[in-house]
Amino acid sequence: MLDPQNPVVWLIGIIAFAVAFFLLRSHFTVEARERRRRAKSHRPVVSRRQGPTVRLAVDVDKPRRDRKP
């Protein structure tokens, strides 16, 4: 039944490959990638981890400029 010499098997395989190719072609276009990227960047931020905020006890002073009189 699935003899590689059978032309019906080849015809069905080529048709299946062509249908898959045309269905997946629109998924990999530049417009589709930009649309997915735009949708991904505008999604709300969901944080599942509710950990405490860490504050460091380090006092970092900015270097002061010496003013000329």
Protein backbone atom coordinates (compact mmCIF):
# COMPACT_ATOMS: atom_id res chain seq x y z
CA MET A 1 0.00 0.00 0.00
CA LEU A 2 2.76 2.49 0.88
CA ASP A 3 5.03 1.35 -1.93
CA PRO A 4 7.48 4.11 -2.93
CA GLN A 5 7.01 3.12 -6.56
CA ASN A 6 3.29 3.94 -6.39
CA PRO A 7 2.61 7.31 -8.08
CA VAL A 8 -0.51 7.87 -5.93
CA VAL A 9 1.65 7.92 -2.80
CA TRP A 10 3.93 10.50 -4.41
CA LEU A 11 0.97 12.61 -5.53
CA ILE A 12 -0.60 12.61 -2.05
CA GLY A 13 2.78 13.42 -0.48
CA ILE A 14 3.40 16.34 -2.83
CA ILE A 15 -0.10 17.73 -2.24
CA ALA A 16 0.30 17.41 1.55
CA PHE A 17 3.71 19.13 1.38
CA ALA A 18 2.30 21.96 -0.74
CA VAL A 19 -0.64 22.53 1.64
CA ALA A 20 1.68 22.58 4.67
CA PHE A 21 4.04 24.95 2.87
CA PHE A 22 1.29 27.42 1.97
CA LEU A 23 -0.20 27.31 5.48
CA LEU A 24 3.16 27.92 7.16
CA ARG A 25 4.34 30.52 4.66
CA SER A 26 2.14 33.24 6.15
CA HIS A 27 3.50 32.47 9.62
CA PHE A 28 7.07 33.38 8.66
CA THR A 29 6.52 36.59 6.70
CA VAL A 30 8.04 39.87 7.86
CA GLU A 31 4.58 41.31 8.57
CA ALA A 32 3.60 38.32 10.70
CA ARG A 33 6.80 38.55 12.74
CA GLU A 34 6.25 42.27 13.30
CA ARG A 35 2.62 41.65 14.27
CA ARG A 36 3.64 39.01 16.84
CA ARG A 37 6.38 41.27 18.19
CA ARG A 38 3.99 44.21 18.49
CA ALA A 39 1.39 42.06 20.25
CA LYS A 40 4.03 40.68 22.60
CA SER A 41 5.35 44.10 23.57
CA HIS A 42 1.89 45.49 24.34
CA ARG A 43 0.79 42.68 26.62
CA PRO A 44 0.31 43.54 30.27
CA VAL A 45 3.15 42.64 32.58
CA VAL A 46 2.21 39.78 34.85
CA SER A 47 4.47 39.02 37.75
CA ARG A 48 3.76 35.72 39.45
CA ARG A 49 6.43 36.09 42.07
CA GLN A 50 5.52 38.45 44.89
CA GLY A 51 8.85 38.70 46.64
CA PRO A 52 9.98 41.53 48.94
CA THR A 53 11.70 44.55 47.50
CA VAL A 54 15.36 44.61 48.41
CA ARG A 55 16.87 47.94 49.42
CA LEU A 56 20.56 48.21 49.84
CA ALA A 57 21.93 50.08 52.83
CA VAL A 58 24.66 51.73 50.79
CA ASP A 59 24.98 55.47 50.64
CA VAL A 60 26.44 56.44 47.30
CA ASP A 61 27.32 60.09 47.07
CA LYS A 62 27.86 61.80 43.78
CA PRO A 63 31.22 63.48 43.42
CA ARG A 64 30.81 67.20 43.97
CA ARG A 65 32.26 69.71 41.57
CA ASP A 66 34.63 72.31 42.88
CA ARG A 67 33.18 75.68 42.04
CA LYS A 68 35.53 78.44 41.06
CA PRO A 69 34.82 81.76 42.80
